[in-house]
């Protein structure tokens, strides 16, 4: 349905997005959780938990933050791995 008035069209689109936003977000979360059950949603992206990061560091032999950052910049980690997990998982 298109409106000739652009303002009316934008208002209709905004209302539709707000009405259906949660439905689409819930569907995408469920789809991703089926593939990656130990991930949680943060800032619009799914990230792995602390245990996954810890095991990745142990298994890959990374000992320092500098090594971790360099590996992340080279793209050696899968999606959902923080570039700075020491900041992401610090105690507040």
C-alpha atoms as a PDB file:
ATOM      1  CA  UNK A   1       0.000   0.000   0.000  1.00  0.00           C
ATOM      2  CA  UNK A   2       1.607   3.241  -1.056  1.00  0.00           C
ATOM      3  CA  UNK A   3       0.695   6.745  -0.070  1.00  0.00           C
ATOM      4  CA  UNK A   4       1.206   9.761  -2.305  1.00  0.00           C
ATOM      5  CA  UNK A   5       2.170  11.817   0.734  1.00  0.00           C
ATOM      6  CA  UNK A   6       5.708  10.798   1.865  1.00  0.00           C
ATOM      7  CA  UNK A   7       5.035  11.829   5.467  1.00  0.00           C
ATOM      8  CA  UNK A   8       2.014   9.548   5.659  1.00  0.00           C
ATOM      9  CA  UNK A   9       3.998   6.710   4.107  1.00  0.00           C
ATOM     10  CA  UNK A  10       6.815   7.102   6.653  1.00  0.00           C
ATOM     11  CA  UNK A  11       4.295   7.158   9.495  1.00  0.00           C
ATOM     12  CA  UNK A  12       2.658   3.955   8.231  1.00  0.00           C
ATOM     13  CA  UNK A  13       6.055   2.211   7.919  1.00  0.00           C
ATOM     14  CA  UNK A  14       7.101   3.331  11.420  1.00  0.00           C
ATOM     15  CA  UNK A  15       3.868   2.013  12.933  1.00  0.00           C
ATOM     16  CA  UNK A  16       4.216  -1.318  11.100  1.00  0.00           C
ATOM     17  CA  UNK A  17       7.839  -1.751  12.249  1.00  0.00           C
ATOM     18  CA  UNK A  18       6.966  -1.037  15.866  1.00  0.00           C
ATOM     19  CA  UNK A  19       4.014  -3.419  15.743  1.00  0.00           C
ATOM     20  CA  UNK A  20       6.006  -6.331  14.253  1.00  0.00           C
ATOM     21  CA  UNK A  21       9.501  -5.722  15.662  1.00  0.00           C
ATOM     22  CA  UNK A  22       9.346  -8.179  18.576  1.00  0.00           C
ATOM     23  CA  UNK A  23       7.891 -10.949  16.419  1.00  0.00           C
ATOM     24  CA  UNK A  24      10.835 -10.843  14.005  1.00  0.00           C
ATOM     25  CA  UNK A  25      13.408 -10.438  16.780  1.00  0.00           C
ATOM     26  CA  UNK A  26      12.067 -13.476  18.641  1.00  0.00           C
ATOM     27  CA  UNK A  27      12.088 -15.562  15.471  1.00  0.00           C
ATOM     28  CA  UNK A  28      15.715 -14.679  14.677  1.00  0.00           C
ATOM     29  CA  UNK A  29      16.790 -15.375  18.276  1.00  0.00           C
ATOM     30  CA  UNK A  30      15.194 -18.837  18.235  1.00  0.00           C
ATOM     31  CA  UNK A  31      16.765 -19.655  14.871  1.00  0.00           C
ATOM     32  CA  UNK A  32      20.240 -18.678  16.070  1.00  0.00           C
ATOM     33  CA  UNK A  33      19.892 -20.457  19.426  1.00  0.00           C
ATOM     34  CA  UNK A  34      19.104 -23.698  17.615  1.00  0.00           C
ATOM     35  CA  UNK A  35      22.475 -23.454  15.884  1.00  0.00           C
ATOM     36  CA  UNK A  36      24.458 -22.042  18.839  1.00  0.00           C
ATOM     37  CA  UNK A  37      22.856 -22.955  22.188  1.00  0.00           C
ATOM     38  CA  UNK A  38      25.611 -21.391  24.347  1.00  0.00           C
ATOM     39  CA  UNK A  39      25.318 -17.919  22.808  1.00  0.00           C
ATOM     40  CA  UNK A  40      23.538 -14.918  24.245  1.00  0.00           C
ATOM     41  CA  UNK A  41      22.250 -11.776  22.572  1.00  0.00           C
ATOM     42  CA  UNK A  42      24.132  -8.513  23.206  1.00  0.00           C
ATOM     43  CA  UNK A  43      23.982  -5.234  21.324  1.00  0.00           C
ATOM     44  CA  UNK A  44      22.251  -6.705  18.286  1.00  0.00           C
ATOM     45  CA  UNK A  45      24.778  -9.525  17.861  1.00  0.00           C
ATOM     46  CA  UNK A  46      24.963 -12.974  19.426  1.00  0.00           C
ATOM     47  CA  UNK A  47      28.133 -13.523  21.445  1.00  0.00           C
ATOM     48  CA  UNK A  48      29.505 -16.640  23.077  1.00  0.00           C
ATOM     49  CA  UNK A  49      29.734 -16.959  26.846  1.00  0.00           C
ATOM     50  CA  UNK A  50      32.836 -16.773  29.035  1.00  0.00           C
ATOM     51  CA  UNK A  51      33.442 -20.536  29.041  1.00  0.00           C
ATOM     52  CA  UNK A  52      33.605 -20.657  25.237  1.00  0.00           C
ATOM     53  CA  UNK A  53      36.118 -17.794  25.184  1.00  0.00           C
ATOM     54  CA  UNK A  54      38.164 -19.489  27.915  1.00  0.00           C
ATOM     55  CA  UNK A  55      38.309 -22.827  26.069  1.00  0.00           C
ATOM     56  CA  UNK A  56      39.209 -21.068  22.814  1.00  0.00           C
ATOM     57  CA  UNK A  57      42.163 -19.343  24.491  1.00  0.00           C
ATOM     58  CA  UNK A  58      43.391 -22.574  26.089  1.00  0.00           C
ATOM     59  CA  UNK A  59      43.019 -24.702  22.956  1.00  0.00           C
ATOM     60  CA  UNK A  60      44.661 -22.150  20.662  1.00  0.00           C
ATOM     61  CA  UNK A  61      47.594 -21.484  22.994  1.00  0.00           C
ATOM     62  CA  UNK A  62      46.944 -17.762  23.325  1.00  0.00           C
ATOM     63  CA  UNK A  63      48.624 -16.395  26.447  1.00  0.00           C
ATOM     64  CA  UNK A  64      48.388 -12.594  26.188  1.00  0.00           C
ATOM     65  CA  UNK A  65      45.789  -9.989  25.300  1.00  0.00           C
ATOM     66  CA  UNK A  66      48.012  -8.770  22.458  1.00  0.00           C
ATOM     67  CA  UNK A  67      48.023 -12.243  20.856  1.00  0.00           C
ATOM     68  CA  UNK A  68      44.232 -12.422  21.229  1.00  0.00           C
ATOM     69  CA  UNK A  69      43.708  -9.033  19.558  1.00  0.00           C
ATOM     70  CA  UNK A  70      46.052  -9.901  16.682  1.00  0.00           C
ATOM     71  CA  UNK A  71      44.260 -13.210  16.060  1.00  0.00           C
ATOM     72  CA  UNK A  72      40.909 -11.423  16.109  1.00  0.00           C
ATOM     73  CA  UNK A  73      42.134  -8.794  13.625  1.00  0.00           C
ATOM     74  CA  UNK A  74      43.383 -11.521  11.280  1.00  0.00           C
ATOM     75  CA  UNK A  75      39.913 -13.083  11.369  1.00  0.00           C
ATOM     76  CA  UNK A  76      40.919 -16.399  12.918  1.00  0.00           C
ATOM     77  CA  UNK A  77      37.978 -16.462  15.337  1.00  0.00           C
ATOM     78  CA  UNK A  78      34.376 -17.344  14.444  1.00  0.00           C
ATOM     79  CA  UNK A  79      31.519 -14.832  14.661  1.00  0.00           C
ATOM     80  CA  UNK A  80      30.348 -14.084  18.178  1.00  0.00           C
ATOM     81  CA  UNK A  81      33.818 -13.908  19.750  1.00  0.00           C
ATOM     82  CA  UNK A  82      34.730 -10.634  21.444  1.00  0.00           C
ATOM     83  CA  UNK A  83      37.835  -8.781  20.326  1.00  0.00           C
ATOM     84  CA  UNK A  84      38.497  -7.787  23.957  1.00  0.00           C
ATOM     85  CA  UNK A  85      36.943 -10.395  26.258  1.00  0.00           C
ATOM     86  CA  UNK A  86      38.870  -8.998  29.231  1.00  0.00           C
ATOM     87  CA  UNK A  87      36.718  -5.864  28.962  1.00  0.00           C
ATOM     88  CA  UNK A  88      33.508  -7.674  28.070  1.00  0.00           C
ATOM     89  CA  UNK A  89      33.633 -10.065  31.037  1.00  0.00           C
ATOM     90  CA  UNK A  90      35.223  -7.809  33.670  1.00  0.00           C
ATOM     91  CA  UNK A  91      33.602  -7.538  37.069  1.00  0.00           C
ATOM     92  CA  UNK A  92      31.800  -4.285  37.726  1.00  0.00           C
END
